[in-house]
Amino acid sequence: MADTLSAQSTVTADTLAAFSDAFNRHDANALMEFMTEDCVFDAAGGPEVHGTRFVGREAVRAAFEAVFRTFPDAHWGSGRHYVVGDRGVSEWVFTGTHAEGWRIEAEGCDLFEFRDGRIAVKRAFRKERPKLQA
């Protein structure tokens, strides 16, 4: 994976599809291969206007791993991916069962900024819906 990414100078829609596949495998190591060392992840929820912000590979990895623990069956389906220059978008439907037993199904998207063939910034957005019965 790293050799493929280092050989690319730009991120493509196929790159974002592979990133999404790594999320669906719950593979934090593979996800971090797509990210810059100083990456930023703005989660969909949190107290700030941008949600909760995680900065740097270790903090971002920990945030991704927390999602996998909180939603053990987390899945981002119906993916559509677009790239224009140093920005990109992934659209998806998030489904998952929370560790507390309720389910979610909601549309969402990620807005990306790229640098040197990697993801520098990932901003997540998801529709707010009532909790569903598992």
Protein backbone atom coordinates (compact mmCIF):
# COMPACT_ATOMS: atom_id res chain seq x y z
CA MET A 1 0.00 0.00 0.00
CA ALA A 2 2.66 2.54 0.99
CA ASP A 3 4.60 1.95 -2.24
CA THR A 4 1.48 2.59 -4.30
CA LEU A 5 0.71 5.78 -2.40
CA SER A 6 4.26 7.11 -2.51
CA ALA A 7 4.34 6.55 -6.28
CA GLN A 8 1.22 8.71 -6.70
CA SER A 9 1.49 12.46 -6.76
CA THR A 10 -2.27 12.97 -6.55
CA VAL A 11 -5.21 11.35 -4.85
CA THR A 12 -7.91 9.90 -7.12
CA ALA A 13 -11.48 8.69 -6.66
CA ASP A 14 -10.02 5.16 -6.62
CA THR A 15 -7.78 6.19 -3.72
CA LEU A 16 -10.83 7.38 -1.76
CA ALA A 17 -12.65 4.12 -2.60
CA ALA A 18 -9.67 2.15 -1.21
CA PHE A 19 -9.69 4.37 1.90
CA SER A 20 -13.39 3.59 2.35
CA ASP A 21 -12.69 -0.13 1.93
CA ALA A 22 -10.12 0.09 4.74
CA PHE A 23 -12.77 1.71 6.97
CA ASN A 24 -15.15 -1.16 6.21
CA ARG A 25 -12.43 -3.66 7.15
CA HIS A 26 -11.86 -1.69 10.38
CA ASP A 27 -8.17 -1.59 9.45
CA ALA A 28 -6.64 1.39 11.26
CA ASN A 29 -3.14 0.54 10.04
CA ALA A 30 -4.23 0.65 6.40
CA LEU A 31 -6.16 3.88 6.99
CA MET A 32 -3.10 5.62 8.39
CA GLU A 33 -1.11 4.73 5.24
CA PHE A 34 -3.41 7.13 3.39
CA MET A 35 -2.86 10.01 5.86
CA THR A 36 -0.09 12.60 6.20
CA GLU A 37 1.99 12.64 9.40
CA ASP A 38 0.29 15.87 10.52
CA CYS A 39 -3.21 14.79 9.45
CA VAL A 40 -6.38 16.30 10.89
CA PHE A 41 -9.70 14.51 11.43
CA ASP A 42 -12.82 16.49 12.33
CA ALA A 43 -15.40 14.02 13.65
CA ALA A 44 -19.09 14.46 12.83
CA GLY A 45 -19.99 15.19 16.45
CA GLY A 46 -18.52 17.18 19.27
CA PRO A 47 -18.72 20.43 21.20
CA GLU A 48 -16.92 22.68 18.71
CA VAL A 49 -18.21 24.19 15.47
CA HIS A 50 -16.07 21.62 13.61
CA GLY A 51 -17.13 18.68 15.83
CA THR A 52 -14.24 17.08 17.68
CA ARG A 53 -10.81 17.64 16.11
CA PHE A 54 -7.99 15.10 16.23
CA VAL A 55 -4.52 16.17 15.07
CA GLY A 56 -1.59 13.91 14.18
CA ARG A 57 -1.42 10.27 13.18
CA GLU A 58 -1.68 8.79 16.68
CA ALA A 59 -4.68 10.90 17.68
CA VAL A 60 -6.44 10.23 14.37
CA ARG A 61 -5.71 6.49 14.59
CA ALA A 62 -7.12 6.43 18.14
CA ALA A 63 -10.27 8.24 16.98
CA PHE A 64 -10.81 5.74 14.13
CA GLU A 65 -10.24 2.80 16.49
CA ALA A 66 -12.75 4.29 18.95
CA VAL A 67 -15.40 4.30 16.21
CA PHE A 68 -14.71 0.61 15.53
CA ARG A 69 -15.06 -0.21 19.24
CA THR A 70 -18.22 1.89 19.64
CA PHE A 71 -19.83 0.46 16.48
CA PRO A 72 -18.36 -3.06 16.10
CA ASP A 73 -20.34 -3.62 12.87
CA ALA A 74 -19.77 -0.11 11.45
CA HIS A 75 -20.16 0.05 7.69
CA TRP A 76 -19.95 2.88 5.17
CA GLY A 77 -21.95 1.72 2.13
CA SER A 78 -23.19 3.11 -1.16
CA GLY A 79 -19.92 5.00 -1.57
CA ARG A 80 -19.43 7.66 -4.23
CA HIS A 81 -16.08 9.40 -4.45
CA TYR A 82 -14.96 12.57 -6.24
CA VAL A 83 -11.64 14.38 -6.51
CA VAL A 84 -10.94 17.82 -7.95
CA GLY A 85 -7.37 19.03 -7.54
CA ASP A 86 -6.34 18.93 -3.89
CA ARG A 87 -9.88 18.37 -2.57
CA GLY A 88 -12.26 15.44 -2.56
CA VAL A 89 -15.63 14.16 -1.37
CA SER A 90 -16.87 10.74 -0.33
CA GLU A 91 -20.60 10.19 0.08
CA TRP A 92 -21.86 7.16 2.00
CA VAL A 93 -24.59 5.64 4.16
CA PHE A 94 -23.33 4.81 7.63
CA THR A 95 -24.90 1.83 9.39
CA GLY A 96 -23.93 0.34 12.71
CA THR A 97 -25.03 -1.01 16.05
CA HIS A 98 -23.76 1.02 18.99
CA ALA A 99 -22.12 -0.88 21.86
CA GLU A 100 -25.16 0.20 23.97
CA GLY A 101 -27.46 -1.74 21.64
CA TRP A 102 -29.15 0.87 19.43
CA ARG A 103 -28.68 1.17 15.65
CA ILE A 104 -28.02 3.99 13.26
CA GLU A 105 -28.53 4.35 9.52
CA ALA A 106 -27.75 7.79 8.11
CA GLU A 107 -26.35 9.45 5.02
CA GLY A 108 -23.08 11.29 5.37
CA CYS A 109 -20.03 12.55 3.60
CA ASP A 110 -16.37 13.30 4.12
CA LEU A 111 -14.69 16.41 2.78
CA PHE A 112 -10.97 15.93 2.16
CA GLU A 113 -7.89 18.06 1.58
CA PHE A 114 -4.84 16.37 0.04
CA ARG A 115 -1.12 17.03 0.16
CA ASP A 116 1.70 15.08 -1.49
CA GLY A 117 -0.58 12.24 -2.58
CA ARG A 118 -2.07 11.68 0.89
CA ILE A 119 -5.05 12.82 2.94
CA ALA A 120 -4.11 15.81 5.08
CA VAL A 121 -7.61 16.70 6.35
CA LYS A 122 -10.77 14.58 6.70
CA ARG A 123 -13.97 16.33 7.81
CA ALA A 124 -16.91 14.00 8.53
CA PHE A 125 -20.57 15.00 8.31
CA ARG A 126 -23.57 12.77 9.06
CA LYS A 127 -27.33 13.27 9.19
CA GLU A 128 -28.71 13.44 12.73
CA ARG A 129 -31.43 10.81 13.20
CA PRO A 130 -33.24 9.25 16.13
CA LYS A 131 -31.72 6.05 17.48
CA LEU A 132 -33.19 2.90 15.92
CA GLN A 133 -33.95 -0.35 17.72
CA ALA A 134 -31.28 -2.98 17.16
